[in-house]
């Protein structure tokens, strides 16, 4: 569904995992990131098999992802759950607004 909407999977995964499946919010975030990573890795293998992967770009991207994940994990431990929820709601509102405005502009 997220792919059809053109948005990252976390926009849908986190609320479903948290609200419908009862997973604590921090675990829902972590699980969503893991799911997106596995999906991305599978896609990357397809491009690698086709010879479409630029090694330098992939290396820089991996390094940035690892550093970002480490910083994010540390920050998530220090940020209260309520603040994480508020930030996520603000992100959802922003994405919703952007999607609606693009949809109206293309109409």
PDB file of N, CA and C in Angstrom:
ATOM      1  N   UNK A   1       0.828  -1.198   0.000  1.00  0.00           N
ATOM      2  CA  UNK A   1       0.000   0.000   0.000  1.00  0.00           C
ATOM      3  C   UNK A   1       0.869   1.257   0.000  1.00  0.00           C
ATOM      4  N   UNK A   2       1.934   1.224   0.818  1.00  0.00           N
ATOM      5  CA  UNK A   2       2.808   2.401   0.882  1.00  0.00           C
ATOM      6  C   UNK A   2       3.448   2.674  -0.471  1.00  0.00           C
ATOM      7  N   UNK A   3       3.852   1.602  -1.164  1.00  0.00           N
ATOM      8  CA  UNK A   3       4.445   1.769  -2.484  1.00  0.00           C
ATOM      9  C   UNK A   3       3.460   2.378  -3.476  1.00  0.00           C
ATOM     10  N   UNK A   4       2.224   1.991  -3.389  1.00  0.00           N
ATOM     11  CA  UNK A   4       1.205   2.559  -4.277  1.00  0.00           C
ATOM     12  C   UNK A   4       0.990   4.036  -4.000  1.00  0.00           C
ATOM     13  N   UNK A   5       1.119   4.431  -2.744  1.00  0.00           N
ATOM     14  CA  UNK A   5       0.937   5.832  -2.378  1.00  0.00           C
ATOM     15  C   UNK A   5       2.185   6.667  -2.632  1.00  0.00           C
ATOM     16  N   UNK A   6       3.317   5.995  -2.842  1.00  0.00           N
ATOM     17  CA  UNK A   6       4.554   6.727  -3.076  1.00  0.00           C
ATOM     18  C   UNK A   6       5.165   7.280  -1.804  1.00  0.00           C
ATOM     19  N   UNK A   7       4.907   6.631  -0.695  1.00  0.00           N
ATOM     20  CA  UNK A   7       5.465   7.079   0.588  1.00  0.00           C
ATOM     21  C   UNK A   7       6.241   5.926   1.210  1.00  0.00           C
ATOM     22  N   UNK A   8       7.051   6.245   2.206  1.00  0.00           N
ATOM     23  CA  UNK A   8       7.784   5.208   2.922  1.00  0.00           C
ATOM     24  C   UNK A   8       6.835   4.305   3.694  1.00  0.00           C
ATOM     25  N   UNK A   9       7.225   3.074   3.874  1.00  0.00           N
ATOM     26  CA  UNK A   9       6.384   2.103   4.561  1.00  0.00           C
ATOM     27  C   UNK A   9       6.094   2.437   6.008  1.00  0.00           C
ATOM     28  N   UNK A  10       6.988   3.192   6.661  1.00  0.00           N
ATOM     29  CA  UNK A  10       6.792   3.532   8.062  1.00  0.00           C
ATOM     30  C   UNK A  10       5.539   4.342   8.316  1.00  0.00           C
ATOM     31  N   UNK A  11       5.117   5.098   7.329  1.00  0.00           N
ATOM     32  CA  UNK A  11       3.908   5.912   7.462  1.00  0.00           C
ATOM     33  C   UNK A  11       2.702   5.028   7.759  1.00  0.00           C
ATOM     34  N   UNK A  12       2.690   3.829   7.212  1.00  0.00           N
ATOM     35  CA  UNK A  12       1.596   2.890   7.450  1.00  0.00           C
ATOM     36  C   UNK A  12       1.950   1.828   8.483  1.00  0.00           C
ATOM     37  N   UNK A  13       3.209   1.359   8.463  1.00  0.00           N
ATOM     38  CA  UNK A  13       3.616   0.278   9.359  1.00  0.00           C
ATOM     39  C   UNK A  13       3.487   0.652  10.833  1.00  0.00           C
ATOM     40  N   UNK A  14       3.990   1.823  11.204  1.00  0.00           N
ATOM     41  CA  UNK A  14       4.030   2.201  12.618  1.00  0.00           C
ATOM     42  C   UNK A  14       2.628   2.285  13.222  1.00  0.00           C
ATOM     43  N   UNK A  15       1.687   2.999  12.612  1.00  0.00           N
ATOM     44  CA  UNK A  15       0.344   3.031  13.212  1.00  0.00           C
ATOM     45  C   UNK A  15      -0.313   1.649  13.275  1.00  0.00           C
ATOM     46  N   UNK A  16      -0.110   0.825  12.249  1.00  0.00           N
ATOM     47  CA  UNK A  16      -0.713  -0.514  12.260  1.00  0.00           C
ATOM     48  C   UNK A  16      -0.110  -1.356  13.377  1.00  0.00           C
ATOM     49  N   UNK A  17       1.220  -1.349  13.479  1.00  0.00           N
ATOM     50  CA  UNK A  17       1.877  -2.136  14.522  1.00  0.00           C
ATOM     51  C   UNK A  17       1.498  -1.646  15.920  1.00  0.00           C
ATOM     52  N   UNK A  18       1.394  -0.339  16.088  1.00  0.00           N
ATOM     53  CA  UNK A  18       1.111   0.219  17.403  1.00  0.00           C
ATOM     54  C   UNK A  18      -0.363   0.140  17.766  1.00  0.00           C
ATOM     55  N   UNK A  19      -1.210   0.643  16.918  1.00  0.00           N
ATOM     56  CA  UNK A  19      -2.634   0.763  17.257  1.00  0.00           C
ATOM     57  C   UNK A  19      -3.398  -0.546  17.086  1.00  0.00           C
ATOM     58  N   UNK A  20      -3.149  -1.251  16.001  1.00  0.00           N
ATOM     59  CA  UNK A  20      -3.914  -2.465  15.741  1.00  0.00           C
ATOM     60  C   UNK A  20      -3.324  -3.714  16.393  1.00  0.00           C
ATOM     61  N   UNK A  21      -1.978  -3.795  16.406  1.00  0.00           N
ATOM     62  CA  UNK A  21      -1.344  -4.988  16.950  1.00  0.00           C
ATOM     63  C   UNK A  21      -0.861  -4.813  18.382  1.00  0.00           C
ATOM     64  N   UNK A  22      -0.963  -3.594  18.913  1.00  0.00           N
ATOM     65  CA  UNK A  22      -0.635  -3.347  20.315  1.00  0.00           C
ATOM     66  C   UNK A  22       0.844  -3.334  20.649  1.00  0.00           C
ATOM     67  N   UNK A  23       1.718  -3.208  19.655  1.00  0.00           N
ATOM     68  CA  UNK A  23       3.152  -3.140  19.910  1.00  0.00           C
ATOM     69  C   UNK A  23       3.477  -1.783  20.526  1.00  0.00           C
ATOM     70  N   UNK A  24       4.326  -1.723  21.552  1.00  0.00           N
ATOM     71  CA  UNK A  24       4.728  -0.417  22.102  1.00  0.00           C
ATOM     72  C   UNK A  24       5.310   0.462  20.994  1.00  0.00           C
ATOM     73  N   UNK A  25       5.133   1.767  21.110  1.00  0.00           N
ATOM     74  CA  UNK A  25       5.484   2.691  20.037  1.00  0.00           C
ATOM     75  C   UNK A  25       6.947   2.570  19.622  1.00  0.00           C
ATOM     76  N   UNK A  26       7.872   2.484  20.603  1.00  0.00           N
ATOM     77  CA  UNK A  26       9.294   2.397  20.254  1.00  0.00           C
ATOM     78  C   UNK A  26       9.579   1.127  19.471  1.00  0.00           C
ATOM     79  N   UNK A  27       8.949   0.034  19.852  1.00  0.00           N
ATOM     80  CA  UNK A  27       9.159  -1.231  19.135  1.00  0.00           C
ATOM     81  C   UNK A  27       8.525  -1.188  17.755  1.00  0.00           C
ATOM     82  N   UNK A  28       7.392  -0.501  17.644  1.00  0.00           N
ATOM     83  CA  UNK A  28       6.770  -0.349  16.330  1.00  0.00           C
ATOM     84  C   UNK A  28       7.695   0.424  15.390  1.00  0.00           C
ATOM     85  N   UNK A  29       8.331   1.482  15.903  1.00  0.00           N
ATOM     86  CA  UNK A  29       9.277   2.245  15.086  1.00  0.00           C
ATOM     87  C   UNK A  29      10.452   1.374  14.660  1.00  0.00           C
ATOM     88  N   UNK A  30      11.033   0.664  15.625  1.00  0.00           N
ATOM     89  CA  UNK A  30      12.189  -0.180  15.316  1.00  0.00           C
ATOM     90  C   UNK A  30      11.825  -1.289  14.338  1.00  0.00           C
ATOM     91  N   UNK A  31      10.673  -1.913  14.533  1.00  0.00           N
ATOM     92  CA  UNK A  31      10.238  -2.987  13.638  1.00  0.00           C
ATOM     93  C   UNK A  31      10.007  -2.455  12.233  1.00  0.00           C
ATOM     94  N   UNK A  32       9.425  -1.265  12.133  1.00  0.00           N
ATOM     95  CA  UNK A  32       9.186  -0.661  10.832  1.00  0.00           C
ATOM     96  C   UNK A  32      10.499  -0.378  10.108  1.00  0.00           C
ATOM     97  N   UNK A  33      11.480   0.146  10.831  1.00  0.00           N
ATOM     98  CA  UNK A  33      12.779   0.419  10.229  1.00  0.00           C
ATOM     99  C   UNK A  33      13.416  -0.881   9.745  1.00  0.00           C
ATOM    100  N   UNK A  34      13.308  -1.916  10.560  1.00  0.00           N
ATOM    101  CA  UNK A  34      13.863  -3.216  10.170  1.00  0.00           C
ATOM    102  C   UNK A  34      13.172  -3.730   8.901  1.00  0.00           C
ATOM    103  N   UNK A  35      11.847  -3.655   8.853  1.00  0.00           N
ATOM    104  CA  UNK A  35      11.094  -4.130   7.692  1.00  0.00           C
ATOM    105  C   UNK A  35      11.486  -3.361   6.432  1.00  0.00           C
ATOM    106  N   UNK A  36      11.665  -2.060   6.559  1.00  0.00           N
ATOM    107  CA  UNK A  36      12.054  -1.246   5.411  1.00  0.00           C
ATOM    108  C   UNK A  36      13.474  -1.600   4.982  1.00  0.00           C
ATOM    109  N   UNK A  37      14.349  -1.875   5.953  1.00  0.00           N
ATOM    110  CA  UNK A  37      15.719  -2.278   5.627  1.00  0.00           C
ATOM    111  C   UNK A  37      15.773  -3.584   4.864  1.00  0.00           C
ATOM    112  N   UNK A  38      14.977  -4.553   5.286  1.00  0.00           N
ATOM    113  CA  UNK A  38      14.945  -5.839   4.593  1.00  0.00           C
ATOM    114  C   UNK A  38      14.401  -5.664   3.177  1.00  0.00           C
ATOM    115  N   UNK A  39      13.371  -4.884   3.039  1.00  0.00           N
ATOM    116  CA  UNK A  39      12.804  -4.622   1.712  1.00  0.00           C
ATOM    117  C   UNK A  39      13.817  -3.915   0.819  1.00  0.00           C
ATOM    118  N   UNK A  40      14.499  -2.919   1.379  1.00  0.00           N
ATOM    119  CA  UNK A  40      15.525  -2.202   0.620  1.00  0.00           C
ATOM    120  C   UNK A  40      16.677  -3.104   0.208  1.00  0.00           C
ATOM    121  N   UNK A  41      17.084  -3.988   1.114  1.00  0.00           N
ATOM    122  CA  UNK A  41      18.177  -4.918   0.801  1.00  0.00           C
ATOM    123  C   UNK A  41      17.774  -5.858  -0.327  1.00  0.00           C
ATOM    124  N   UNK A  42      16.548  -6.339  -0.300  1.00  0.00           N
ATOM    125  CA  UNK A  42      16.076  -7.227  -1.368  1.00  0.00           C
ATOM    126  C   UNK A  42      16.085  -6.500  -2.707  1.00  0.00           C
ATOM    127  N   UNK A  43      15.625  -5.262  -2.711  1.00  0.00           N
ATOM    128  CA  UNK A  43      15.645  -4.471  -3.939  1.00  0.00           C
ATOM    129  C   UNK A  43      17.062  -4.199  -4.419  1.00  0.00           C
ATOM    130  N   UNK A  44      17.958  -3.930  -3.467  1.00  0.00           N
ATOM    131  CA  UNK A  44      19.349  -3.659  -3.825  1.00  0.00           C
ATOM    132  C   UNK A  44      20.000  -4.884  -4.461  1.00  0.00           C
ATOM    133  N   UNK A  45      19.645  -6.077  -3.977  1.00  0.00           N
ATOM    134  CA  UNK A  45      20.205  -7.300  -4.563  1.00  0.00           C
ATOM    135  C   UNK A  45      19.795  -7.463  -6.022  1.00  0.00           C
ATOM    136  N   UNK A  46      18.573  -7.062  -6.324  1.00  0.00           N
ATOM    137  CA  UNK A  46      18.116  -7.141  -7.719  1.00  0.00           C
ATOM    138  C   UNK A  46      18.956  -6.220  -8.594  1.00  0.00           C
ATOM    139  N   UNK A  47      19.164  -4.986  -8.134  1.00  0.00           N
ATOM    140  CA  UNK A  47      19.972  -4.041  -8.919  1.00  0.00           C
ATOM    141  C   UNK A  47      21.425  -4.500  -9.004  1.00  0.00           C
ATOM    142  N   UNK A  48      21.940  -5.081  -7.900  1.00  0.00           N
ATOM    143  CA  UNK A  48      23.310  -5.594  -7.905  1.00  0.00           C
ATOM    144  C   UNK A  48      23.460  -6.719  -8.928  1.00  0.00           C
ATOM    145  N   UNK A  49      22.493  -7.623  -8.974  1.00  0.00           N
ATOM    146  CA  UNK A  49      22.532  -8.735  -9.919  1.00  0.00           C
ATOM    147  C   UNK A  49      22.498  -8.235 -11.368  1.00  0.00           C
ATOM    148  N   UNK A  50      21.816  -7.125 -11.591  1.00  0.00           N
ATOM    149  CA  UNK A  50      21.743  -6.550 -12.943  1.00  0.00           C
ATOM    150  C   UNK A  50      22.973  -5.724 -13.297  1.00  0.00           C
ATOM    151  N   UNK A  51      23.806  -5.456 -12.286  1.00  0.00           N
ATOM    152  CA  UNK A  51      25.006  -4.646 -12.528  1.00  0.00           C
ATOM    153  C   UNK A  51      24.732  -3.157 -12.503  1.00  0.00           C
ATOM    154  N   UNK A  52      23.631  -2.748 -11.891  1.00  0.00           N
ATOM    155  CA  UNK A  52      23.236  -1.345 -11.873  1.00  0.00           C
ATOM    156  C   UNK A  52      23.645  -0.605 -10.598  1.00  0.00           C
ATOM    157  N   UNK A  53      24.479  -1.206  -9.764  1.00  0.00           N
ATOM    158  CA  UNK A  53      24.846  -0.579  -8.501  1.00  0.00           C
ATOM    159  C   UNK A  53      26.212   0.073  -8.634  1.00  0.00           C
ATOM    160  N   UNK A  54      26.272   1.358  -8.320  1.00  0.00           N
ATOM    161  CA  UNK A  54      27.551   2.067  -8.275  1.00  0.00           C
ATOM    162  C   UNK A  54      28.143   1.828  -6.890  1.00  0.00           C
ATOM    163  N   UNK A  55      29.273   1.143  -6.826  1.00  0.00           N
ATOM    164  CA  UNK A  55      29.869   0.727  -5.556  1.00  0.00           C
ATOM    165  C   UNK A  55      30.144   1.924  -4.641  1.00  0.00           C
ATOM    166  N   UNK A  56      30.647   3.008  -5.169  1.00  0.00           N
ATOM    167  CA  UNK A  56      30.963   4.178  -4.336  1.00  0.00           C
ATOM    168  C   UNK A  56      29.691   4.768  -3.720  1.00  0.00           C
ATOM    169  N   UNK A  57      28.649   4.892  -4.510  1.00  0.00           N
ATOM    170  CA  UNK A  57      27.392   5.440  -3.999  1.00  0.00           C
ATOM    171  C   UNK A  57      26.777   4.511  -2.964  1.00  0.00           C
ATOM    172  N   UNK A  58      26.855   3.211  -3.204  1.00  0.00           N
ATOM    173  CA  UNK A  58      26.304   2.247  -2.251  1.00  0.00           C
ATOM    174  C   UNK A  58      27.077   2.290  -0.939  1.00  0.00           C
ATOM    175  N   UNK A  59      28.385   2.401  -1.010  1.00  0.00           N
ATOM    176  CA  UNK A  59      29.202   2.465   0.198  1.00  0.00           C
ATOM    177  C   UNK A  59      28.905   3.687   1.033  1.00  0.00           C
ATOM    178  N   UNK A  60      28.796   4.837   0.391  1.00  0.00           N
ATOM    179  CA  UNK A  60      28.477   6.077   1.114  1.00  0.00           C
ATOM    180  C   UNK A  60      27.086   5.994   1.725  1.00  0.00           C
ATOM    181  N   UNK A  61      26.157   5.434   0.995  1.00  0.00           N
ATOM    182  CA  UNK A  61      24.793   5.288   1.501  1.00  0.00           C
ATOM    183  C   UNK A  61      24.755   4.353   2.712  1.00  0.00           C
ATOM    184  N   UNK A  62      25.478   3.244   2.629  1.00  0.00           N
ATOM    185  CA  UNK A  62      25.526   2.315   3.764  1.00  0.00           C
ATOM    186  C   UNK A  62      26.139   2.975   4.992  1.00  0.00           C
ATOM    187  N   UNK A  63      27.217   3.711   4.804  1.00  0.00           N
ATOM    188  CA  UNK A  63      27.866   4.382   5.925  1.00  0.00           C
ATOM    189  C   UNK A  63      26.915   5.391   6.575  1.00  0.00           C
ATOM    190  N   UNK A  64      26.255   6.180   5.757  1.00  0.00           N
ATOM    191  CA  UNK A  64      25.297   7.148   6.284  1.00  0.00           C
ATOM    192  C   UNK A  64      24.145   6.488   7.019  1.00  0.00           C
ATOM    193  N   UNK A  65      23.683   5.365   6.488  1.00  0.00           N
ATOM    194  CA  UNK A  65      22.597   4.635   7.127  1.00  0.00           C
ATOM    195  C   UNK A  65      23.018   4.083   8.479  1.00  0.00           C
ATOM    196  N   UNK A  66      24.213   3.521   8.546  1.00  0.00           N
ATOM    197  CA  UNK A  66      24.702   2.978   9.812  1.00  0.00           C
ATOM    198  C   UNK A  66      24.877   4.068  10.871  1.00  0.00           C
ATOM    199  N   UNK A  67      25.460   5.185  10.484  1.00  0.00           N
ATOM    200  CA  UNK A  67      25.648   6.292  11.427  1.00  0.00           C
ATOM    201  C   UNK A  67      24.286   6.838  11.869  1.00  0.00           C
ATOM    202  N   UNK A  68      23.390   7.031  10.923  1.00  0.00           N
ATOM    203  CA  UNK A  68      22.056   7.530  11.252  1.00  0.00           C
ATOM    204  C   UNK A  68      21.282   6.589  12.157  1.00  0.00           C
ATOM    205  N   UNK A  69      21.392   5.287  11.908  1.00  0.00           N
ATOM    206  CA  UNK A  69      20.702   4.301  12.742  1.00  0.00           C
ATOM    207  C   UNK A  69      21.250   4.306  14.161  1.00  0.00           C
ATOM    208  N   UNK A  70      22.572   4.396  14.293  1.00  0.00           N
ATOM    209  CA  UNK A  70      23.184   4.423  15.630  1.00  0.00           C
ATOM    210  C   UNK A  70      22.755   5.677  16.394  1.00  0.00           C
ATOM    211  N   UNK A  71      22.784   6.817  15.728  1.00  0.00           N
ATOM    212  CA  UNK A  71      22.360   8.067  16.386  1.00  0.00           C
ATOM    213  C   UNK A  71      20.875   8.030  16.721  1.00  0.00           C
ATOM    214  N   UNK A  72      20.087   7.507  15.816  1.00  0.00           N
ATOM    215  CA  UNK A  72      18.646   7.414  16.058  1.00  0.00           C
ATOM    216  C   UNK A  72      18.316   6.506  17.227  1.00  0.00           C
ATOM    217  N   UNK A  73      19.013   5.391  17.341  1.00  0.00           N
ATOM    218  CA  UNK A  73      18.779   4.464  18.454  1.00  0.00           C
ATOM    219  C   UNK A  73      19.120   5.116  19.785  1.00  0.00           C
ATOM    220  N   UNK A  74      20.225   5.839  19.817  1.00  0.00           N
ATOM    221  CA  UNK A  74      20.592   6.540  21.059  1.00  0.00           C
ATOM    222  C   UNK A  74      19.584   7.628  21.399  1.00  0.00           C
ATOM    223  N   UNK A  75      19.161   8.373  20.398  1.00  0.00           N
ATOM    224  CA  UNK A  75      18.202   9.449  20.635  1.00  0.00           C
ATOM    225  C   UNK A  75      16.861   8.892  21.085  1.00  0.00           C
ATOM    226  N   UNK A  76      16.438   7.783  20.505  1.00  0.00           N
ATOM    227  CA  UNK A  76      15.135   7.200  20.853  1.00  0.00           C
ATOM    228  C   UNK A  76      15.109   6.745  22.309  1.00  0.00           C
ATOM    229  N   UNK A  77      16.256   6.312  22.825  1.00  0.00           N
ATOM    230  CA  UNK A  77      16.311   5.906  24.236  1.00  0.00           C
ATOM    231  C   UNK A  77      16.173   7.095  25.178  1.00  0.00           C
ATOM    232  N   UNK A  78      16.577   8.259  24.707  1.00  0.00           N
ATOM    233  CA  UNK A  78      16.577   9.455  25.563  1.00  0.00           C
ATOM    234  C   UNK A  78      15.331  10.317  25.397  1.00  0.00           C
ATOM    235  N   UNK A  79      14.628  10.133  24.307  1.00  0.00           N
ATOM    236  CA  UNK A  79      13.440  10.953  24.030  1.00  0.00           C
ATOM    237  C   UNK A  79      12.223  10.256  24.622  1.00  0.00           C
ATOM    238  N   UNK A  80      11.410  10.987  25.384  1.00  0.00           N
ATOM    239  CA  UNK A  80      10.211  10.363  25.954  1.00  0.00           C
ATOM    240  C   UNK A  80       9.259   9.856  24.864  1.00  0.00           C
ATOM    241  N   UNK A  81       8.518   8.797  25.188  1.00  0.00           N
ATOM    242  CA  UNK A  81       7.609   8.195  24.219  1.00  0.00           C
ATOM    243  C   UNK A  81       6.585   9.209  23.716  1.00  0.00           C
ATOM    244  N   UNK A  82       6.100  10.061  24.595  1.00  0.00           N
ATOM    245  CA  UNK A  82       5.123  11.079  24.181  1.00  0.00           C
ATOM    246  C   UNK A  82       5.706  12.002  23.107  1.00  0.00           C
ATOM    247  N   UNK A  83       6.956  12.399  23.279  1.00  0.00           N
ATOM    248  CA  UNK A  83       7.603  13.262  22.289  1.00  0.00           C
ATOM    249  C   UNK A  83       7.764  12.529  20.956  1.00  0.00           C
ATOM    250  N   UNK A  84       8.121  11.246  20.997  1.00  0.00           N
ATOM    251  CA  UNK A  84       8.217  10.466  19.756  1.00  0.00           C
ATOM    252  C   UNK A  84       6.870  10.412  19.042  1.00  0.00           C
ATOM    253  N   UNK A  85       5.827  10.194  19.822  1.00  0.00           N
ATOM    254  CA  UNK A  85       4.484  10.144  19.219  1.00  0.00           C
ATOM    255  C   UNK A  85       4.115  11.473  18.575  1.00  0.00           C
ATOM    256  N   UNK A  86       4.404  12.565  19.264  1.00  0.00           N
ATOM    257  CA  UNK A  86       4.080  13.896  18.728  1.00  0.00           C
ATOM    258  C   UNK A  86       4.854  14.151  17.442  1.00  0.00           C
ATOM    259  N   UNK A  87       6.147  13.804  17.440  1.00  0.00           N
ATOM    260  CA  UNK A  87       6.948  13.995  16.226  1.00  0.00           C
ATOM    261  C   UNK A  87       6.405  13.148  15.078  1.00  0.00           C
ATOM    262  N   UNK A  88       5.982  11.927  15.386  1.00  0.00           N
ATOM    263  CA  UNK A  88       5.453  11.059  14.338  1.00  0.00           C
ATOM    264  C   UNK A  88       4.130  11.605  13.802  1.00  0.00           C
ATOM    265  N   UNK A  89       3.279  12.097  14.682  1.00  0.00           N
ATOM    266  CA  UNK A  89       2.011  12.692  14.246  1.00  0.00           C
ATOM    267  C   UNK A  89       2.276  13.898  13.351  1.00  0.00           C
ATOM    268  N   UNK A  90       3.244  14.722  13.731  1.00  0.00           N
ATOM    269  CA  UNK A  90       3.582  15.884  12.900  1.00  0.00           C
ATOM    270  C   UNK A  90       4.087  15.438  11.528  1.00  0.00           C
ATOM    271  N   UNK A  91       4.884  14.377  11.504  1.00  0.00           N
ATOM    272  CA  UNK A  91       5.348  13.839  10.225  1.00  0.00           C
ATOM    273  C   UNK A  91       4.175  13.337   9.385  1.00  0.00           C
ATOM    274  N   UNK A  92       3.246  12.610  10.009  1.00  0.00           N
ATOM    275  CA  UNK A  92       2.068  12.123   9.281  1.00  0.00           C
ATOM    276  C   UNK A  92       1.238  13.277   8.731  1.00  0.00           C
ATOM    277  N   UNK A  93       1.062  14.321   9.528  1.00  0.00           N
ATOM    278  CA  UNK A  93       0.305  15.485   9.058  1.00  0.00           C
ATOM    279  C   UNK A  93       1.002  16.156   7.875  1.00  0.00           C
ATOM    280  N   UNK A  94       2.314  16.282   7.957  1.00  0.00           N
ATOM    281  CA  UNK A  94       3.070  16.886   6.866  1.00  0.00           C
ATOM    282  C   UNK A  94       2.930  16.058   5.581  1.00  0.00           C
ATOM    283  N   UNK A  95       3.121  14.747   5.701  1.00  0.00           N
ATOM    284  CA  UNK A  95       3.006  13.869   4.531  1.00  0.00           C
ATOM    285  C   UNK A  95       1.596  13.933   3.957  1.00  0.00           C
ATOM    286  N   UNK A  96       0.592  13.937   4.832  1.00  0.00           N
ATOM    287  CA  UNK A  96      -0.806  14.024   4.367  1.00  0.00           C
ATOM    288  C   UNK A  96      -1.049  15.312   3.606  1.00  0.00           C
ATOM    289  N   UNK A  97      -0.536  16.415   4.151  1.00  0.00           N
ATOM    290  CA  UNK A  97      -0.710  17.710   3.492  1.00  0.00           C
ATOM    291  C   UNK A  97      -0.031  17.709   2.122  1.00  0.00           C
ATOM    292  N   UNK A  98       1.209  17.194   2.055  1.00  0.00           N
ATOM    293  CA  UNK A  98       1.934  17.157   0.783  1.00  0.00           C
ATOM    294  C   UNK A  98       1.215  16.286  -0.245  1.00  0.00           C
ATOM    295  N   UNK A  99       0.716  15.131   0.196  1.00  0.00           N
ATOM    296  CA  UNK A  99       0.015  14.240  -0.723  1.00  0.00           C
ATOM    297  C   UNK A  99      -1.262  14.891  -1.232  1.00  0.00           C
ATOM    298  N   UNK A 100      -1.996  15.525  -0.340  1.00  0.00           N
ATOM    299  CA  UNK A 100      -3.241  16.181  -0.736  1.00  0.00           C
ATOM    300  C   UNK A 100      -2.962  17.346  -1.691  1.00  0.00           C
ATOM    301  N   UNK A 101      -1.958  18.145  -1.395  1.00  0.00           N
ATOM    302  CA  UNK A 101      -1.665  19.284  -2.256  1.00  0.00           C
ATOM    303  C   UNK A 101      -1.170  18.831  -3.634  1.00  0.00           C
ATOM    304  N   UNK A 102      -0.378  17.746  -3.686  1.00  0.00           N
ATOM    305  CA  UNK A 102       0.050  17.225  -4.985  1.00  0.00           C
ATOM    306  C   UNK A 102      -1.126  16.642  -5.751  1.00  0.00           C
ATOM    307  N   UNK A 103      -2.021  15.957  -5.036  1.00  0.00           N
ATOM    308  CA  UNK A 103      -3.194  15.400  -5.690  1.00  0.00           C
ATOM    309  C   UNK A 103      -4.100  16.470  -6.271  1.00  0.00           C
ATOM    310  N   UNK A 104      -4.283  17.538  -5.526  1.00  0.00           N
ATOM    311  CA  UNK A 104      -5.122  18.652  -6.004  1.00  0.00           C
ATOM    312  C   UNK A 104      -4.459  19.340  -7.188  1.00  0.00           C
ATOM    313  N   UNK A 105      -3.133  19.541  -7.113  1.00  0.00           N
ATOM    314  CA  UNK A 105      -2.416  20.210  -8.204  1.00  0.00           C
ATOM    315  C   UNK A 105      -2.475  19.389  -9.495  1.00  0.00           C
ATOM    316  N   UNK A 106      -2.458  18.068  -9.390  1.00  0.00           N
ATOM    317  CA  UNK A 106      -2.491  17.230 -10.581  1.00  0.00           C
ATOM    318  C   UNK A 106      -3.902  17.037 -11.111  1.00  0.00           C
ATOM    319  N   UNK A 107      -4.891  17.372 -10.303  1.00  0.00           N
ATOM    320  CA  UNK A 107      -6.269  17.220 -10.712  1.00  0.00           C
ATOM    321  C   UNK A 107      -6.596  18.291 -11.700  1.00  0.00           C
TER     322      UNK A 107
END
